[in-house]
């Protein structure tokens, strides 16, 4: 049982290194920009529709953090070496 688990982990690790060329880091960064943009929209919607003040405050803070992360990711694309 343990030998099978070790064998599976070793083969997964080898395949993980082989599949690194499938998706470029630039593509990963673009995907994360899209995801943080989507989370920012969700936080903004939640901050508008929240009933309590503390819920609105938490959602606005989340929105600002998502926007900040998205802007940093976009700024990092400028310095990405092809």
N, C-alpha and C. Protein backbone atom coordinates (compact mmCIF):
# COMPACT_ATOMS: atom_id res chain seq x y z
N UNK A 1 0.82 -1.19 0.00
CA UNK A 1 0.00 0.00 0.00
C UNK A 1 0.87 1.26 0.00
N UNK A 2 1.84 1.31 0.89
CA UNK A 2 2.72 2.48 0.99
C UNK A 2 3.60 2.58 -0.25
N UNK A 3 4.04 1.41 -0.76
CA UNK A 3 4.88 1.42 -1.96
C UNK A 3 4.10 1.96 -3.15
N UNK A 4 2.84 1.59 -3.27
CA UNK A 4 2.01 2.11 -4.36
C UNK A 4 1.84 3.62 -4.24
N UNK A 5 1.63 4.10 -3.04
CA UNK A 5 1.47 5.54 -2.83
C UNK A 5 2.74 6.30 -3.19
N UNK A 6 3.89 5.77 -2.80
CA UNK A 6 5.16 6.40 -3.13
C UNK A 6 5.37 6.40 -4.64
N UNK A 7 5.05 5.30 -5.30
CA UNK A 7 5.20 5.22 -6.75
C UNK A 7 4.31 6.24 -7.45
N UNK A 8 3.08 6.38 -6.99
CA UNK A 8 2.16 7.36 -7.59
C UNK A 8 2.69 8.77 -7.40
N UNK A 9 3.18 9.09 -6.21
CA UNK A 9 3.71 10.43 -5.95
C UNK A 9 4.93 10.72 -6.82
N UNK A 10 5.80 9.74 -7.01
CA UNK A 10 6.99 9.94 -7.84
C UNK A 10 6.60 10.15 -9.29
N UNK A 11 5.65 9.36 -9.81
CA UNK A 11 5.24 9.53 -11.21
C UNK A 11 4.53 10.86 -11.42
N UNK A 12 3.74 11.29 -10.44
CA UNK A 12 3.07 12.59 -10.56
C UNK A 12 4.10 13.70 -10.57
N UNK A 13 5.12 13.60 -9.75
CA UNK A 13 6.17 14.62 -9.70
C UNK A 13 6.94 14.66 -11.03
N UNK A 14 7.23 13.50 -11.62
CA UNK A 14 7.92 13.46 -12.91
C UNK A 14 7.05 14.06 -13.99
N UNK A 15 5.78 13.72 -14.02
CA UNK A 15 4.87 14.27 -15.03
C UNK A 15 4.67 15.77 -14.84
N UNK A 16 4.72 16.22 -13.61
CA UNK A 16 4.56 17.65 -13.33
C UNK A 16 5.70 18.43 -13.97
N UNK A 17 6.90 17.91 -13.91
CA UNK A 17 8.03 18.59 -14.53
C UNK A 17 7.97 18.49 -16.05
N UNK A 18 7.41 17.42 -16.59
CA UNK A 18 7.31 17.27 -18.04
C UNK A 18 6.26 18.20 -18.63
N UNK A 19 5.21 18.50 -17.88
CA UNK A 19 4.10 19.30 -18.40
C UNK A 19 4.28 20.79 -18.17
N UNK A 20 5.46 21.23 -17.75
CA UNK A 20 5.67 22.65 -17.47
C UNK A 20 5.59 23.51 -18.72
N UNK A 21 5.87 22.94 -19.89
CA UNK A 21 5.89 23.72 -21.11
C UNK A 21 4.51 23.94 -21.70
N UNK A 22 3.48 23.32 -21.15
CA UNK A 22 2.15 23.41 -21.74
C UNK A 22 1.54 24.80 -21.57
N UNK A 23 1.73 25.42 -20.43
CA UNK A 23 1.15 26.74 -20.17
C UNK A 23 2.29 27.68 -19.76
N UNK A 24 2.37 28.78 -20.45
CA UNK A 24 3.44 29.73 -20.16
C UNK A 24 3.10 30.55 -18.91
N UNK A 25 4.10 31.09 -18.25
CA UNK A 25 3.84 31.94 -17.08
C UNK A 25 3.01 33.17 -17.44
N UNK A 26 3.16 33.67 -18.65
CA UNK A 26 2.37 34.83 -19.09
C UNK A 26 0.88 34.47 -19.14
N UNK A 27 0.58 33.28 -19.64
CA UNK A 27 -0.82 32.83 -19.68
C UNK A 27 -1.37 32.67 -18.28
N UNK A 28 -0.57 32.11 -17.38
CA UNK A 28 -1.01 31.98 -15.98
C UNK A 28 -1.30 33.35 -15.38
N UNK A 29 -0.46 34.32 -15.67
CA UNK A 29 -0.65 35.65 -15.11
C UNK A 29 -1.92 36.28 -15.68
N UNK A 30 -2.19 36.08 -16.97
CA UNK A 30 -3.42 36.60 -17.56
C UNK A 30 -4.66 35.96 -16.94
N UNK A 31 -4.57 34.66 -16.65
CA UNK A 31 -5.70 33.98 -16.01
C UNK A 31 -5.93 34.55 -14.61
N UNK A 32 -4.86 34.79 -13.86
CA UNK A 32 -5.01 35.36 -12.52
C UNK A 32 -5.54 36.79 -12.57
N UNK A 33 -5.18 37.54 -13.61
CA UNK A 33 -5.74 38.89 -13.78
C UNK A 33 -7.25 38.80 -13.98
N UNK A 34 -7.68 37.86 -14.80
CA UNK A 34 -9.11 37.67 -15.02
C UNK A 34 -9.84 37.24 -13.76
N UNK A 35 -9.22 36.33 -13.00
CA UNK A 35 -9.86 35.86 -11.77
C UNK A 35 -9.97 36.95 -10.71
N UNK A 36 -8.92 37.75 -10.56
CA UNK A 36 -8.99 38.83 -9.58
C UNK A 36 -9.97 39.91 -10.03
N UNK A 37 -10.09 40.12 -11.35
CA UNK A 37 -11.10 41.05 -11.85
C UNK A 37 -12.50 40.56 -11.54
N UNK A 38 -12.73 39.26 -11.71
CA UNK A 38 -14.03 38.68 -11.39
C UNK A 38 -14.33 38.78 -9.90
N UNK A 39 -13.33 38.50 -9.06
CA UNK A 39 -13.54 38.63 -7.62
C UNK A 39 -13.80 40.07 -7.21
N UNK A 40 -13.17 41.01 -7.91
CA UNK A 40 -13.40 42.42 -7.62
C UNK A 40 -14.84 42.81 -7.94
N UNK A 41 -15.35 42.31 -9.06
CA UNK A 41 -16.74 42.60 -9.43
C UNK A 41 -17.70 41.99 -8.41
N UNK A 42 -17.41 40.78 -7.96
CA UNK A 42 -18.26 40.13 -6.96
C UNK A 42 -18.24 40.92 -5.64
N UNK A 43 -17.06 41.37 -5.23
CA UNK A 43 -16.96 42.16 -3.99
C UNK A 43 -17.69 43.48 -4.12
N UNK A 44 -17.58 44.11 -5.28
CA UNK A 44 -18.29 45.37 -5.49
C UNK A 44 -19.80 45.17 -5.43
N UNK A 45 -20.29 44.10 -6.06
CA UNK A 45 -21.72 43.79 -6.01
C UNK A 45 -22.16 43.53 -4.57
N UNK A 46 -21.35 42.78 -3.84
CA UNK A 46 -21.70 42.47 -2.45
C UNK A 46 -21.69 43.72 -1.58
N UNK A 47 -20.77 44.63 -1.85
CA UNK A 47 -20.72 45.85 -1.05
C UNK A 47 -21.92 46.74 -1.32
N UNK A 48 -22.46 46.68 -2.52
CA UNK A 48 -23.63 47.49 -2.85
C UNK A 48 -24.90 46.87 -2.26
N UNK A 49 -25.00 45.54 -2.30
CA UNK A 49 -26.24 44.88 -1.88
C UNK A 49 -26.25 44.49 -0.40
N UNK A 50 -25.16 44.68 0.32
CA UNK A 50 -25.11 44.28 1.73
C UNK A 50 -26.02 45.18 2.57
N UNK A 51 -26.64 44.57 3.56
CA UNK A 51 -27.57 45.31 4.40
C UNK A 51 -26.92 45.99 5.59
N UNK A 52 -25.93 45.38 6.15
CA UNK A 52 -25.28 45.91 7.35
C UNK A 52 -24.02 46.69 6.97
N UNK A 53 -23.66 47.62 7.81
CA UNK A 53 -22.50 48.47 7.56
C UNK A 53 -21.20 47.67 7.59
N UNK A 54 -21.07 46.73 8.53
CA UNK A 54 -19.83 45.96 8.62
C UNK A 54 -19.66 45.06 7.40
N UNK A 55 -20.78 44.55 6.84
CA UNK A 55 -20.70 43.74 5.63
C UNK A 55 -20.23 44.58 4.45
N UNK A 56 -20.74 45.80 4.36
CA UNK A 56 -20.31 46.69 3.29
C UNK A 56 -18.83 47.02 3.42
N UNK A 57 -18.39 47.27 4.64
CA UNK A 57 -16.99 47.62 4.88
C UNK A 57 -16.06 46.46 4.51
N UNK A 58 -16.42 45.25 4.90
CA UNK A 58 -15.61 44.08 4.56
C UNK A 58 -15.57 43.89 3.05
N UNK A 59 -16.70 44.06 2.38
CA UNK A 59 -16.74 43.89 0.93
C UNK A 59 -15.93 44.97 0.21
N UNK A 60 -15.99 46.21 0.69
CA UNK A 60 -15.19 47.28 0.09
C UNK A 60 -13.69 47.01 0.27
N UNK A 61 -13.31 46.53 1.44
CA UNK A 61 -11.90 46.20 1.67
C UNK A 61 -11.46 45.07 0.73
N UNK A 62 -12.30 44.06 0.58
CA UNK A 62 -12.00 42.98 -0.35
C UNK A 62 -11.89 43.46 -1.78
N UNK A 63 -12.76 44.40 -2.16
CA UNK A 63 -12.72 44.96 -3.50
C UNK A 63 -11.42 45.73 -3.74
N UNK A 64 -11.02 46.52 -2.77
CA UNK A 64 -9.78 47.29 -2.91
C UNK A 64 -8.57 46.36 -3.00
N UNK A 65 -8.56 45.30 -2.19
CA UNK A 65 -7.45 44.34 -2.25
C UNK A 65 -7.40 43.62 -3.59
N UNK A 66 -8.56 43.22 -4.11
CA UNK A 66 -8.59 42.55 -5.42
C UNK A 66 -8.13 43.49 -6.52
N UNK A 67 -8.57 44.73 -6.48
CA UNK A 67 -8.12 45.70 -7.49
C UNK A 67 -6.62 45.94 -7.40
N UNK A 68 -6.10 46.02 -6.18
CA UNK A 68 -4.67 46.23 -6.00
C UNK A 68 -3.86 45.06 -6.55
N UNK A 69 -4.29 43.85 -6.25
CA UNK A 69 -3.60 42.66 -6.75
C UNK A 69 -3.68 42.60 -8.27
N UNK A 70 -4.86 42.93 -8.83
CA UNK A 70 -5.02 42.92 -10.28
C UNK A 70 -4.11 43.94 -10.95
N UNK A 71 -4.01 45.13 -10.38
CA UNK A 71 -3.14 46.16 -10.94
C UNK A 71 -1.67 45.76 -10.85
N UNK A 72 -1.28 45.12 -9.75
CA UNK A 72 0.10 44.65 -9.64
C UNK A 72 0.41 43.55 -10.65
N UNK A 73 -0.55 42.67 -10.89
CA UNK A 73 -0.35 41.64 -11.91
C UNK A 73 -0.25 42.25 -13.30
N UNK A 74 -1.07 43.27 -13.58
CA UNK A 74 -0.99 43.94 -14.88
C UNK A 74 0.33 44.68 -15.02
N UNK A 75 0.80 45.28 -13.95
CA UNK A 75 2.08 45.98 -13.97
C UNK A 75 3.23 44.99 -14.19
N UNK A 76 3.10 43.79 -13.63
CA UNK A 76 4.11 42.77 -13.81
C UNK A 76 4.20 42.26 -15.23
N UNK A 77 3.10 42.32 -15.98
CA UNK A 77 3.13 41.90 -17.38
C UNK A 77 4.05 42.79 -18.20
N UNK A 78 4.18 44.03 -17.80
CA UNK A 78 5.03 44.96 -18.54
C UNK A 78 6.49 44.52 -18.46
N UNK A 79 6.88 43.93 -17.36
CA UNK A 79 8.27 43.54 -17.15
C UNK A 79 8.53 42.07 -17.45
N UNK A 80 7.55 41.38 -18.00
CA UNK A 80 7.72 39.96 -18.32
C UNK A 80 8.63 39.82 -19.53
N UNK A 81 9.65 38.98 -19.41
CA UNK A 81 10.57 38.77 -20.53
C UNK A 81 10.07 37.60 -21.36
N UNK A 82 9.96 37.81 -22.63
CA UNK A 82 9.43 36.76 -23.52
C UNK A 82 10.49 35.75 -23.89
